[in-house]
PDB file of N, CA and C in Angstrom:
ATOM      1  N   MET A   1      99.075 102.678  51.478  1.00  0.00           N
ATOM      2  CA  MET A   1      98.250 102.190  52.564  1.00  0.00           C
ATOM      3  C   MET A   1      98.949 102.507  53.877  1.00  0.00           C
ATOM      4  N   HIS A   2      98.256 103.141  54.757  1.00  0.00           N
ATOM      5  CA  HIS A   2      98.793 103.511  56.053  1.00  0.00           C
ATOM      6  C   HIS A   2      98.676 102.317  57.001  1.00  0.00           C
ATOM      7  N   PRO A   3      99.711 102.079  57.836  1.00  0.00           N
ATOM      8  CA  PRO A   3      99.642 100.949  58.781  1.00  0.00           C
ATOM      9  C   PRO A   3      98.421 100.976  59.692  1.00  0.00           C
ATOM     10  N   PHE A   4      97.867 102.165  59.950  1.00  0.00           N
ATOM     11  CA  PHE A   4      96.676 102.266  60.798  1.00  0.00           C
ATOM     12  C   PHE A   4      95.505 101.488  60.211  1.00  0.00           C
ATOM     13  N   GLU A   5      95.487 101.336  58.882  1.00  0.00           N
ATOM     14  CA  GLU A   5      94.366 100.628  58.254  1.00  0.00           C
ATOM     15  C   GLU A   5      94.293  99.174  58.712  1.00  0.00           C
ATOM     16  N   ILE A   6      95.404  98.614  59.105  1.00  0.00           N
ATOM     17  CA  ILE A   6      95.404  97.238  59.606  1.00  0.00           C
ATOM     18  C   ILE A   6      94.620  97.165  60.914  1.00  0.00           C
ATOM     19  N   LEU A   7      94.704  98.226  61.706  1.00  0.00           N
ATOM     20  CA  LEU A   7      94.009  98.247  62.987  1.00  0.00           C
ATOM     21  C   LEU A   7      92.546  98.659  62.847  1.00  0.00           C
ATOM     22  N   SER A   8      92.186  99.207  61.715  1.00  0.00           N
ATOM     23  CA  SER A   8      90.798  99.619  61.507  1.00  0.00           C
ATOM     24  C   SER A   8      89.929  98.393  61.264  1.00  0.00           C
ATOM     25  N   LYS A   9      88.677  98.626  60.986  1.00  0.00           N
ATOM     26  CA  LYS A   9      87.751  97.508  60.821  1.00  0.00           C
ATOM     27  C   LYS A   9      87.698  96.974  59.388  1.00  0.00           C
ATOM     28  N   LYS A  10      88.627  97.380  58.542  1.00  0.00           N
ATOM     29  CA  LYS A  10      88.651  96.860  57.173  1.00  0.00           C
ATOM     30  C   LYS A  10      89.107  95.410  57.206  1.00  0.00           C
ATOM     31  N   SER A  11      88.427  94.591  56.448  1.00  0.00           N
ATOM     32  CA  SER A  11      88.818  93.183  56.375  1.00  0.00           C
ATOM     33  C   SER A  11      90.092  93.058  55.538  1.00  0.00           C
ATOM     34  N   PRO A  12      90.842  91.974  55.730  1.00  0.00           N
ATOM     35  CA  PRO A  12      92.018  91.752  54.886  1.00  0.00           C
ATOM     36  C   PRO A  12      91.656  91.733  53.399  1.00  0.00           C
ATOM     37  N   ARG A  13      90.487  91.209  53.055  1.00  0.00           N
ATOM     38  CA  ARG A  13      90.061  91.163  51.648  1.00  0.00           C
ATOM     39  C   ARG A  13      89.908  92.575  51.074  1.00  0.00           C
ATOM     40  N   VAL A  14      89.270  93.458  51.843  1.00  0.00           N
ATOM     41  CA  VAL A  14      89.077  94.843  51.391  1.00  0.00           C
ATOM     42  C   VAL A  14      90.437  95.528  51.241  1.00  0.00           C
ATOM     43  N   ARG A  15      91.334  95.335  52.203  1.00  0.00           N
ATOM     44  CA  ARG A  15      92.667  95.947  52.103  1.00  0.00           C
ATOM     45  C   ARG A  15      93.429  95.395  50.910  1.00  0.00           C
ATOM     46  N   ALA A  16      93.300  94.105  50.632  1.00  0.00           N
ATOM     47  CA  ALA A  16      93.987  93.500  49.488  1.00  0.00           C
ATOM     48  C   ALA A  16      93.472  94.090  48.175  1.00  0.00           C
ATOM     49  N   ILE A  17      92.175  94.266  48.063  1.00  0.00           N
ATOM     50  CA  ILE A  17      91.595  94.843  46.846  1.00  0.00           C
ATOM     51  C   ILE A  17      92.048  96.294  46.669  1.00  0.00           C
ATOM     52  N   GLU A  18      92.103  97.044  47.767  1.00  0.00           N
ATOM     53  CA  GLU A  18      92.578  98.423  47.689  1.00  0.00           C
ATOM     54  C   GLU A  18      94.044  98.469  47.242  1.00  0.00           C
ATOM     55  N   LEU A  19      94.855  97.578  47.773  1.00  0.00           N
ATOM     56  CA  LEU A  19      96.268  97.531  47.397  1.00  0.00           C
ATOM     57  C   LEU A  19      96.429  97.120  45.934  1.00  0.00           C
ATOM     58  N   PHE A  20      95.643  96.161  45.489  1.00  0.00           N
ATOM     59  CA  PHE A  20      95.622  95.732  44.082  1.00  0.00           C
ATOM     60  C   PHE A  20      95.383  96.938  43.187  1.00  0.00           C
ATOM     61  N   SER A  21      94.431  97.757  43.571  1.00  0.00           N
ATOM     62  CA  SER A  21      94.103  98.964  42.809  1.00  0.00           C
ATOM     63  C   SER A  21      95.221  99.998  42.906  1.00  0.00           C
ATOM     64  N   HIS A  22      95.701 100.248  44.106  1.00  0.00           N
ATOM     65  CA  HIS A  22      96.745 101.248  44.337  1.00  0.00           C
ATOM     66  C   HIS A  22      98.019 100.929  43.545  1.00  0.00           C
ATOM     67  N   LEU A  23      98.346  99.650  43.433  1.00  0.00           N
ATOM     68  CA  LEU A  23      99.566  99.230  42.725  1.00  0.00           C
ATOM     69  C   LEU A  23      99.345  99.062  41.222  1.00  0.00           C
ATOM     70  N   ASN A  24      98.125  99.331  40.738  1.00  0.00           N
ATOM     71  CA  ASN A  24      97.795  99.218  39.312  1.00  0.00           C
ATOM     72  C   ASN A  24      98.078  97.824  38.749  1.00  0.00           C
ATOM     73  N   ILE A  25      97.754  96.807  39.493  1.00  0.00           N
ATOM     74  CA  ILE A  25      98.028  95.444  39.058  1.00  0.00           C
ATOM     75  C   ILE A  25      97.160  95.062  37.869  1.00  0.00           C
ATOM     76  N   TRP A  26      96.061  95.758  37.650  1.00  0.00           N
ATOM     77  CA  TRP A  26      95.200  95.477  36.500  1.00  0.00           C
ATOM     78  C   TRP A  26      95.779  96.021  35.199  1.00  0.00           C
ATOM     79  N   GLU A  27      96.925  96.656  35.232  1.00  0.00           N
ATOM     80  CA  GLU A  27      97.491  97.301  34.052  1.00  0.00           C
ATOM     81  C   GLU A  27      98.235  96.347  33.110  1.00  0.00           C
ATOM     82  N   THR A  28      98.103  95.058  33.267  1.00  0.00           N
ATOM     83  CA  THR A  28      98.794  94.136  32.366  1.00  0.00           C
ATOM     84  C   THR A  28      98.019  94.009  31.056  1.00  0.00           C
ATOM     85  N   GLU A  29      98.742  93.702  30.000  1.00  0.00           N
ATOM     86  CA  GLU A  29      98.144  93.619  28.670  1.00  0.00           C
ATOM     87  C   GLU A  29      96.999  92.626  28.597  1.00  0.00           C
ATOM     88  N   ARG A  30      97.156  91.473  29.271  1.00  0.00           N
ATOM     89  CA  ARG A  30      96.122  90.442  29.173  1.00  0.00           C
ATOM     90  C   ARG A  30      95.286  90.310  30.446  1.00  0.00           C
ATOM     91  N   ASN A  31      95.331  91.336  31.270  1.00  0.00           N
ATOM     92  CA  ASN A  31      94.522  91.369  32.502  1.00  0.00           C
ATOM     93  C   ASN A  31      94.726  90.123  33.355  1.00  0.00           C
ATOM     94  N   ASN A  32      96.000  89.768  33.554  1.00  0.00           N
ATOM     95  CA  ASN A  32      96.289  88.563  34.310  1.00  0.00           C
ATOM     96  C   ASN A  32      97.187  88.819  35.527  1.00  0.00           C
ATOM     97  N   GLY A  33      97.103  90.018  36.084  1.00  0.00           N
ATOM     98  CA  GLY A  33      97.865  90.329  37.282  1.00  0.00           C
ATOM     99  C   GLY A  33      97.277  89.641  38.499  1.00  0.00           C
ATOM    100  N   VAL A  34      98.164  89.235  39.420  1.00  0.00           N
ATOM    101  CA  VAL A  34      97.742  88.552  40.644  1.00  0.00           C
ATOM    102  C   VAL A  34      98.478  89.156  41.829  1.00  0.00           C
ATOM    103  N   LEU A  35      97.744  89.426  42.896  1.00  0.00           N
ATOM    104  CA  LEU A  35      98.332  89.897  44.144  1.00  0.00           C
ATOM    105  C   LEU A  35      98.109  88.833  45.205  1.00  0.00           C
ATOM    106  N   ILE A  36      99.187  88.421  45.855  1.00  0.00           N
ATOM    107  CA  ILE A  36      99.090  87.541  47.021  1.00  0.00           C
ATOM    108  C   ILE A  36      99.312  88.441  48.230  1.00  0.00           C
ATOM    109  N   TYR A  37      98.258  88.638  49.005  1.00  0.00           N
ATOM    110  CA  TYR A  37      98.299  89.541  50.157  1.00  0.00           C
ATOM    111  C   TYR A  37      98.442  88.702  51.416  1.00  0.00           C
ATOM    112  N   LEU A  38      99.532  88.914  52.136  1.00  0.00           N
ATOM    113  CA  LEU A  38      99.796  88.159  53.356  1.00  0.00           C
ATOM    114  C   LEU A  38      99.726  89.099  54.551  1.00  0.00           C
ATOM    115  N   LEU A  39      98.871  88.791  55.480  1.00  0.00           N
ATOM    116  CA  LEU A  39      98.798  89.531  56.729  1.00  0.00           C
ATOM    117  C   LEU A  39      99.347  88.586  57.797  1.00  0.00           C
ATOM    118  N   LEU A  40     100.665  88.667  58.001  1.00  0.00           N
ATOM    119  CA  LEU A  40     101.336  87.704  58.869  1.00  0.00           C
ATOM    120  C   LEU A  40     100.844  87.772  60.307  1.00  0.00           C
ATOM    121  N   ALA A  41     100.506  88.967  60.780  1.00  0.00           N
ATOM    122  CA  ALA A  41     100.050  89.095  62.167  1.00  0.00           C
ATOM    123  C   ALA A  41      98.824  88.229  62.431  1.00  0.00           C
ATOM    124  N   ASP A  42      97.935  88.135  61.451  1.00  0.00           N
ATOM    125  CA  ASP A  42      96.724  87.333  61.599  1.00  0.00           C
ATOM    126  C   ASP A  42      96.820  85.986  60.895  1.00  0.00           C
ATOM    127  N   ARG A  43      97.955  85.734  60.252  1.00  0.00           N
ATOM    128  CA  ARG A  43      98.140  84.517  59.454  1.00  0.00           C
ATOM    129  C   ARG A  43      97.007  84.371  58.436  1.00  0.00           C
ATOM    130  N   ASP A  44      96.680  85.484  57.821  1.00  0.00           N
ATOM    131  CA  ASP A  44      95.607  85.532  56.831  1.00  0.00           C
ATOM    132  C   ASP A  44      96.211  85.749  55.454  1.00  0.00           C
ATOM    133  N   VAL A  45      95.598  85.144  54.453  1.00  0.00           N
ATOM    134  CA  VAL A  45      96.064  85.243  53.074  1.00  0.00           C
ATOM    135  C   VAL A  45      94.876  85.555  52.183  1.00  0.00           C
ATOM    136  N   GLU A  46      95.071  86.488  51.267  1.00  0.00           N
ATOM    137  CA  GLU A  46      94.061  86.820  50.267  1.00  0.00           C
ATOM    138  C   GLU A  46      94.744  86.840  48.907  1.00  0.00           C
ATOM    139  N   ILE A  47      94.082  86.318  47.905  1.00  0.00           N
ATOM    140  CA  ILE A  47      94.571  86.412  46.537  1.00  0.00           C
ATOM    141  C   ILE A  47      93.557  87.228  45.760  1.00  0.00           C
ATOM    142  N   VAL A  48      94.059  88.279  45.113  1.00  0.00           N
ATOM    143  CA  VAL A  48      93.221  89.117  44.261  1.00  0.00           C
ATOM    144  C   VAL A  48      93.791  88.985  42.856  1.00  0.00           C
ATOM    145  N   ALA A  49      92.938  88.607  41.923  1.00  0.00           N
ATOM    146  CA  ALA A  49      93.388  88.390  40.549  1.00  0.00           C
ATOM    147  C   ALA A  49      92.555  89.215  39.587  1.00  0.00           C
ATOM    148  N   ASP A  50      93.222  89.704  38.552  1.00  0.00           N
ATOM    149  CA  ASP A  50      92.527  90.473  37.527  1.00  0.00           C
ATOM    150  C   ASP A  50      91.596  89.553  36.749  1.00  0.00           C
ATOM    151  N   ARG A  51      90.650  90.160  36.045  1.00  0.00           N
ATOM    152  CA  ARG A  51      89.578  89.421  35.377  1.00  0.00           C
ATOM    153  C   ARG A  51      90.073  88.410  34.345  1.00  0.00           C
ATOM    154  N   GLY A  52      91.196  88.669  33.714  1.00  0.00           N
ATOM    155  CA  GLY A  52      91.696  87.747  32.693  1.00  0.00           C
ATOM    156  C   GLY A  52      92.156  86.413  33.248  1.00  0.00           C
ATOM    157  N   ILE A  53      92.595  86.386  34.480  1.00  0.00           N
ATOM    158  CA  ILE A  53      93.026  85.130  35.105  1.00  0.00           C
ATOM    159  C   ILE A  53      92.021  84.659  36.156  1.00  0.00           C
ATOM    160  N   ASP A  54      91.295  85.578  36.761  1.00  0.00           N
ATOM    161  CA  ASP A  54      90.343  85.198  37.805  1.00  0.00           C
ATOM    162  C   ASP A  54      89.213  84.334  37.256  1.00  0.00           C
ATOM    163  N   LYS A  55      88.712  84.696  36.096  1.00  0.00           N
ATOM    164  CA  LYS A  55      87.583  83.955  35.524  1.00  0.00           C
ATOM    165  C   LYS A  55      87.944  82.502  35.199  1.00  0.00           C
ATOM    166  N   PRO A  56      89.043  82.234  34.473  1.00  0.00           N
ATOM    167  CA  PRO A  56      89.337  80.827  34.174  1.00  0.00           C
ATOM    168  C   PRO A  56      89.770  80.004  35.394  1.00  0.00           C
ATOM    169  N   ILE A  57      90.388  80.645  36.382  1.00  0.00           N
ATOM    170  CA  ILE A  57      90.833  79.904  37.563  1.00  0.00           C
ATOM    171  C   ILE A  57      89.679  79.716  38.540  1.00  0.00           C
ATOM    172  N   GLY A  58      89.005  80.789  38.874  1.00  0.00           N
ATOM    173  CA  GLY A  58      87.842  80.707  39.746  1.00  0.00           C
ATOM    174  C   GLY A  58      88.170  80.823  41.226  1.00  0.00           C
ATOM    175  N   TYR A  59      87.170  81.273  41.955  1.00  0.00           N
ATOM    176  CA  TYR A  59      87.315  81.517  43.387  1.00  0.00           C
ATOM    177  C   TYR A  59      87.751  80.261  44.146  1.00  0.00           C
ATOM    178  N   ASP A  60      87.182  79.116  43.806  1.00  0.00           N
ATOM    179  CA  ASP A  60      87.485  77.891  44.555  1.00  0.00           C
ATOM    180  C   ASP A  60      88.971  77.553  44.517  1.00  0.00           C
ATOM    181  N   ARG A  61      89.595  77.711  43.361  1.00  0.00           N
ATOM    182  CA  ARG A  61      91.037  77.395  43.247  1.00  0.00           C
ATOM    183  C   ARG A  61      91.868  78.380  44.052  1.00  0.00           C
ATOM    184  N   TRP A  62      91.525  79.678  43.959  1.00  0.00           N
ATOM    185  CA  TRP A  62      92.264  80.663  44.757  1.00  0.00           C
ATOM    186  C   TRP A  62      92.108  80.353  46.247  1.00  0.00           C
ATOM    187  N   ASP A  63      90.920  79.948  46.653  1.00  0.00           N
ATOM    188  CA  ASP A  63      90.656  79.632  48.055  1.00  0.00           C
ATOM    189  C   ASP A  63      91.497  78.440  48.521  1.00  0.00           C
ATOM    190  N   VAL A  64      91.635  77.442  47.675  1.00  0.00           N
ATOM    191  CA  VAL A  64      92.467  76.274  48.011  1.00  0.00           C
ATOM    192  C   VAL A  64      93.929  76.703  48.201  1.00  0.00           C
ATOM    193  N   ILE A  65      94.409  77.558  47.316  1.00  0.00           N
ATOM    194  CA  ILE A  65      95.795  78.042  47.434  1.00  0.00           C
ATOM    195  C   ILE A  65      95.970  78.809  48.738  1.00  0.00           C
ATOM    196  N   CYS A  66      95.044  79.722  49.040  1.00  0.00           N
ATOM    197  CA  CYS A  66      95.119  80.495  50.289  1.00  0.00           C
ATOM    198  C   CYS A  66      95.094  79.574  51.504  1.00  0.00           C
ATOM    199  N   HIS A  67      94.204  78.602  51.490  1.00  0.00           N
ATOM    200  CA  HIS A  67      94.091  77.678  52.627  1.00  0.00           C
ATOM    201  C   HIS A  67      95.402  76.911  52.834  1.00  0.00           C
ATOM    202  N   GLY A  68      96.023  76.464  51.753  1.00  0.00           N
ATOM    203  CA  GLY A  68      97.295  75.745  51.868  1.00  0.00           C
ATOM    204  C   GLY A  68      98.381  76.600  52.509  1.00  0.00           C
ATOM    205  N   ILE A  69      98.426  77.865  52.138  1.00  0.00           N
ATOM    206  CA  ILE A  69      99.395  78.788  52.740  1.00  0.00           C
ATOM    207  C   ILE A  69      99.085  78.965  54.230  1.00  0.00           C
ATOM    208  N   GLU A  70      97.821  79.178  54.550  1.00  0.00           N
ATOM    209  CA  GLU A  70      97.417  79.408  55.939  1.00  0.00           C
ATOM    210  C   GLU A  70      97.730  78.212  56.830  1.00  0.00           C
ATOM    211  N   VAL A  71      97.563  77.003  56.308  1.00  0.00           N
ATOM    212  CA  VAL A  71      97.881  75.794  57.088  1.00  0.00           C
ATOM    213  C   VAL A  71      99.358  75.796  57.474  1.00  0.00           C
ATOM    214  N   LEU A  72     100.212  76.092  56.503  1.00  0.00           N
ATOM    215  CA  LEU A  72     101.645  76.133  56.792  1.00  0.00           C
ATOM    216  C   LEU A  72     101.990  77.285  57.737  1.00  0.00           C
ATOM    217  N   PHE A  73     101.335  78.414  57.601  1.00  0.00           N
ATOM    218  CA  PHE A  73     101.572  79.542  58.510  1.00  0.00           C
ATOM    219  C   PHE A  73     101.224  79.159  59.944  1.00  0.00           C
ATOM    220  N   ARG A  74     100.103  78.451  60.130  1.00  0.00           N
ATOM    221  CA  ARG A  74      99.703  78.046  61.491  1.00  0.00           C
ATOM    222  C   ARG A  74     100.739  77.134  62.130  1.00  0.00           C
ATOM    223  N   ARG A  75     101.469  76.409  61.303  1.00  0.00           N
ATOM    224  CA  ARG A  75     102.551  75.542  61.805  1.00  0.00           C
ATOM    225  C   ARG A  75     103.845  76.312  62.018  1.00  0.00           C
ATOM    226  N   GLY A  76     103.828  77.599  61.658  1.00  0.00           N
ATOM    227  CA  GLY A  76     105.044  78.403  61.785  1.00  0.00           C
ATOM    228  C   GLY A  76     105.973  78.264  60.591  1.00  0.00           C
ATOM    229  N   GLU A  77     105.513  77.615  59.540  1.00  0.00           N
ATOM    230  CA  GLU A  77     106.330  77.383  58.344  1.00  0.00           C
ATOM    231  C   GLU A  77     106.037  78.492  57.315  1.00  0.00           C
ATOM    232  N   PHE A  78     106.476  79.703  57.652  1.00  0.00           N
ATOM    233  CA  PHE A  78     106.137  80.865  56.831  1.00  0.00           C
ATOM    234  C   PHE A  78     106.803  80.818  55.454  1.00  0.00           C
ATOM    235  N   GLU A  79     108.084  80.513  55.425  1.00  0.00           N
ATOM    236  CA  GLU A  79     108.778  80.453  54.135  1.00  0.00           C
ATOM    237  C   GLU A  79     108.174  79.378  53.237  1.00  0.00           C
ATOM    238  N   ALA A  80     107.923  78.211  53.793  1.00  0.00           N
ATOM    239  CA  ALA A  80     107.329  77.125  53.003  1.00  0.00           C
ATOM    240  C   ALA A  80     105.944  77.518  52.501  1.00  0.00           C
ATOM    241  N   GLY A  81     105.171  78.208  53.335  1.00  0.00           N
ATOM    242  CA  GLY A  81     103.838  78.639  52.930  1.00  0.00           C
ATOM    243  C   GLY A  81     103.880  79.618  51.770  1.00  0.00           C
ATOM    244  N   VAL A  82     104.765  80.586  51.857  1.00  0.00           N
ATOM    245  CA  VAL A  82     104.897  81.576  50.785  1.00  0.00           C
ATOM    246  C   VAL A  82     105.369  80.906  49.502  1.00  0.00           C
ATOM    247  N   LEU A  83     106.382  80.073  49.593  1.00  0.00           N
ATOM    248  CA  LEU A  83     106.910  79.409  48.395  1.00  0.00           C
ATOM    249  C   LEU A  83     105.873  78.494  47.752  1.00  0.00           C
ATOM    250  N   GLN A  84     105.124  77.779  48.575  1.00  0.00           N
ATOM    251  CA  GLN A  84     104.068  76.914  48.040  1.00  0.00           C
ATOM    252  C   GLN A  84     103.000  77.746  47.338  1.00  0.00           C
ATOM    253  N   GLY A  85     102.594  78.838  47.955  1.00  0.00           N
ATOM    254  CA  GLY A  85     101.576  79.704  47.356  1.00  0.00           C
ATOM    255  C   GLY A  85     102.019  80.280  46.024  1.00  0.00           C
ATOM    256  N   ILE A  86     103.245  80.756  45.971  1.00  0.00           N
ATOM    257  CA  ILE A  86     103.778  81.311  44.720  1.00  0.00           C
ATOM    258  C   ILE A  86     103.832  80.229  43.646  1.00  0.00           C
ATOM    259  N   ALA A  87     104.270  79.043  44.021  1.00  0.00           N
ATOM    260  CA  ALA A  87     104.341  77.939  43.045  1.00  0.00           C
ATOM    261  C   ALA A  87     102.955  77.597  42.498  1.00  0.00           C
ATOM    262  N   GLU A  88     101.947  77.570  43.362  1.00  0.00           N
ATOM    263  CA  GLU A  88     100.584  77.252  42.926  1.00  0.00           C
ATOM    264  C   GLU A  88     100.004  78.345  42.019  1.00  0.00           C
ATOM    265  N   VAL A  89     100.263  79.594  42.353  1.00  0.00           N
ATOM    266  CA  VAL A  89      99.803  80.694  41.500  1.00  0.00           C
ATOM    267  C   VAL A  89     100.508  80.620  40.145  1.00  0.00           C
ATOM    268  N   ASN A  90     101.811  80.329  40.156  1.00  0.00           N
ATOM    269  CA  ASN A  90     102.552  80.176  38.897  1.00  0.00           C
ATOM    270  C   ASN A  90     101.960  79.074  38.029  1.00  0.00           C
ATOM    271  N   LYS A  91     101.598  77.954  38.636  1.00  0.00           N
ATOM    272  CA  LYS A  91     100.972  76.860  37.871  1.00  0.00           C
ATOM    273  C   LYS A  91      99.689  77.326  37.199  1.00  0.00           C
ATOM    274  N   ALA A  92      98.890  78.067  37.947  1.00  0.00           N
ATOM    275  CA  ALA A  92      97.628  78.578  37.394  1.00  0.00           C
ATOM    276  C   ALA A  92      97.890  79.524  36.227  1.00  0.00           C
ATOM    277  N   LEU A  93      98.850  80.409  36.383  1.00  0.00           N
ATOM    278  CA  LEU A  93      99.183  81.352  35.312  1.00  0.00           C
ATOM    279  C   LEU A  93      99.724  80.627  34.087  1.00  0.00           C
ATOM    280  N   GLU A  94     100.620  79.667  34.305  1.00  0.00           N
ATOM    281  CA  GLU A  94     101.205  78.927  33.184  1.00  0.00           C
ATOM    282  C   GLU A  94     100.153  78.120  32.435  1.00  0.00           C
ATOM    283  N   ALA A  95      99.178  77.591  33.153  1.00  0.00           N
ATOM    284  CA  ALA A  95      98.142  76.780  32.506  1.00  0.00           C
ATOM    285  C   ALA A  95      97.295  77.605  31.547  1.00  0.00           C
ATOM    286  N   HIS A  96      97.139  78.887  31.843  1.00  0.00           N
ATOM    287  CA  HIS A  96      96.257  79.722  31.025  1.00  0.00           C
ATOM    288  C   HIS A  96      96.979  80.774  30.201  1.00  0.00           C
ATOM    289  N   PHE A  97      98.249  81.034  30.512  1.00  0.00           N
ATOM    290  CA  PHE A  97      98.958  82.099  29.814  1.00  0.00           C
ATOM    291  C   PHE A  97     100.356  81.700  29.366  1.00  0.00           C
ATOM    292  N   SER A  98     100.612  80.430  29.209  1.00  0.00           N
ATOM    293  CA  SER A  98     101.918  80.008  28.732  1.00  0.00           C
ATOM    294  C   SER A  98     102.011  80.248  27.232  1.00  0.00           C
ATOM    295  N   VAL A  99     103.236  80.279  26.720  1.00  0.00           N
ATOM    296  CA  VAL A  99     103.444  80.452  25.288  1.00  0.00           C
ATOM    297  C   VAL A  99     102.774  79.319  24.524  1.00  0.00           C
ATOM    298  N   LYS A 100     102.863  78.099  25.037  1.00  0.00           N
ATOM    299  CA  LYS A 100     102.255  76.956  24.360  1.00  0.00           C
ATOM    300  C   LYS A 100     100.739  77.126  24.234  1.00  0.00           C
ATOM    301  N   SER A 101     100.067  77.544  25.324  1.00  0.00           N
ATOM    302  CA  SER A 101      98.610  77.691  25.254  1.00  0.00           C
ATOM    303  C   SER A 101      98.217  78.832  24.325  1.00  0.00           C
ATOM    304  N   ILE A 102      99.051  79.847  24.223  1.00  0.00           N
ATOM    305  CA  ILE A 102      98.770  80.947  23.306  1.00  0.00           C
ATOM    306  C   ILE A 102      98.880  80.458  21.868  1.00  0.00           C
ATOM    307  N   LYS A 103      99.893  79.652  21.581  1.00  0.00           N
ATOM    308  CA  LYS A 103     100.050  79.107  20.234  1.00  0.00           C
ATOM    309  C   LYS A 103      98.844  78.262  19.849  1.00  0.00           C
ATOM    310  N   ASN A 104      98.379  77.444  20.769  1.00  0.00           N
ATOM    311  CA  ASN A 104      97.249  76.571  20.483  1.00  0.00           C
ATOM    312  C   ASN A 104      95.982  77.369  20.196  1.00  0.00           C
ATOM    313  N   LYS A 105      95.748  78.436  20.896  1.00  0.00           N
ATOM    314  CA  LYS A 105      94.545  79.231  20.710  1.00  0.00           C
ATOM    315  C   LYS A 105      94.610  80.073  19.442  1.00  0.00           C
ATOM    316  N   ARG A 106      95.774  80.603  19.126  1.00  0.00           N
ATOM    317  CA  ARG A 106      95.886  81.540  18.010  1.00  0.00           C
ATOM    318  C   ARG A 106      96.500  80.924  16.753  1.00  0.00           C
ATOM    319  N   LYS A 107      97.020  79.719  16.863  1.00  0.00           N
ATOM    320  CA  LYS A 107      97.630  79.017  15.731  1.00  0.00           C
ATOM    321  C   LYS A 107      98.777  79.802  15.093  1.00  0.00           C
ATOM    322  N   ARG A 108      99.493  80.533  15.939  1.00  0.00           N
ATOM    323  CA  ARG A 108     100.666  81.235  15.439  1.00  0.00           C
ATOM    324  C   ARG A 108     101.682  81.357  16.556  1.00  0.00           C
ATOM    325  N   SER A 109     102.900  81.619  16.186  1.00  0.00           N
ATOM    326  CA  SER A 109     103.976  81.716  17.155  1.00  0.00           C
ATOM    327  C   SER A 109     103.928  83.059  17.882  1.00  0.00           C
ATOM    328  N   VAL A 110     104.168  83.023  19.181  1.00  0.00           N
ATOM    329  CA  VAL A 110     104.163  84.234  19.981  1.00  0.00           C
ATOM    330  C   VAL A 110     105.438  84.255  20.812  1.00  0.00           C
ATOM    331  N   GLN A 111     106.105  85.378  20.826  1.00  0.00           N
ATOM    332  CA  GLN A 111     107.290  85.548  21.648  1.00  0.00           C
ATOM    333  C   GLN A 111     106.873  85.704  23.112  1.00  0.00           C
ATOM    334  N   ARG A 112     107.624  85.101  24.001  1.00  0.00           N
ATOM    335  CA  ARG A 112     107.346  85.251  25.427  1.00  0.00           C
ATOM    336  C   ARG A 112     107.664  86.690  25.833  1.00  0.00           C
ATOM    337  N   LYS A 113     106.722  87.339  26.466  1.00  0.00           N
ATOM    338  CA  LYS A 113     106.904  88.734  26.862  1.00  0.00           C
ATOM    339  C   LYS A 113     107.554  88.821  28.235  1.00  0.00           C
ATOM    340  N   LYS A 114     108.178  89.954  28.490  1.00  0.00           N
ATOM    341  CA  LYS A 114     108.772  90.202  29.793  1.00  0.00           C
ATOM    342  C   LYS A 114     107.659  90.330  30.835  1.00  0.00           C
ATOM    343  N   ASN A 115     108.012  90.039  32.046  1.00  0.00           N
ATOM    344  CA  ASN A 115     107.084  90.195  33.151  1.00  0.00           C
ATOM    345  C   ASN A 115     106.692  91.667  33.251  1.00  0.00           C
ATOM    346  N   GLU A 116     105.418  91.957  33.267  1.00  0.00           N
ATOM    347  CA  GLU A 116     104.942  93.337  33.290  1.00  0.00           C
ATOM    348  C   GLU A 116     104.868  93.924  34.697  1.00  0.00           C
ATOM    349  N   LEU A 117     104.887  93.080  35.698  1.00  0.00           N
ATOM    350  CA  LEU A 117     104.796  93.531  37.088  1.00  0.00           C
ATOM    351  C   LEU A 117     106.002  93.038  37.866  1.00  0.00           C
ATOM    352  N   PRO A 118     106.443  93.798  38.857  1.00  0.00           N
ATOM    353  CA  PRO A 118     107.581  93.337  39.662  1.00  0.00           C
ATOM    354  C   PRO A 118     107.175  92.138  40.522  1.00  0.00           C
ATOM    355  N   ASP A 119     108.098  91.212  40.714  1.00  0.00           N
ATOM    356  CA  ASP A 119     107.859  90.059  41.574  1.00  0.00           C
ATOM    357  C   ASP A 119     108.383  90.288  42.994  1.00  0.00           C
ATOM    358  N   LYS A 120     109.087  91.369  43.176  1.00  0.00           N
ATOM    359  CA  LYS A 120     109.697  91.654  44.478  1.00  0.00           C
ATOM    360  C   LYS A 120     108.593  91.899  45.514  1.00  0.00           C
ATOM    361  N   PRO A 121     108.703  91.254  46.671  1.00  0.00           N
ATOM    362  CA  PRO A 121     107.702  91.477  47.718  1.00  0.00           C
ATOM    363  C   PRO A 121     107.690  92.928  48.169  1.00  0.00           C
ATOM    364  N   LEU A 122     106.521  93.425  48.463  1.00  0.00           N
ATOM    365  CA  LEU A 122     106.362  94.770  49.001  1.00  0.00           C
ATOM    366  C   LEU A 122     105.905  94.616  50.438  1.00  0.00           C
ATOM    367  N   ILE A 123     106.705  95.124  51.352  1.00  0.00           N
ATOM    368  CA  ILE A 123     106.378  94.994  52.772  1.00  0.00           C
ATOM    369  C   ILE A 123     105.875  96.333  53.275  1.00  0.00           C
ATOM    370  N   LEU A 124     104.663  96.305  53.829  1.00  0.00           N
ATOM    371  CA  LEU A 124     104.054  97.529  54.344  1.00  0.00           C
ATOM    372  C   LEU A 124     104.064  97.531  55.860  1.00  0.00           C
TER     373      LEU A 124
END
């Protein structure tokens, strides 16, 4: 993504979806990749989630998480906003993709898999 795209008329949501695609976040085995897109200049936050996690969580929950981050950003509490957002996304993922929930659904033991996507922030 070229920095000029930020100045173009693309909405943060459209840019987040393009980045989700560009980074191949949908390539996880259980379609549960999540992108937290932060546009600090505008204090805007977008969460794009793959179909495996987006459907059970739903738009309303993602919106609540984004709003919580944005509130802290408006106060200038950027680190707290990011950490809170990551913690909330982790809770959502654990609720639907934890080893315990997998055992309950499949009635068999499953080894915890390695993280399929990097957690390191990407700054553009």
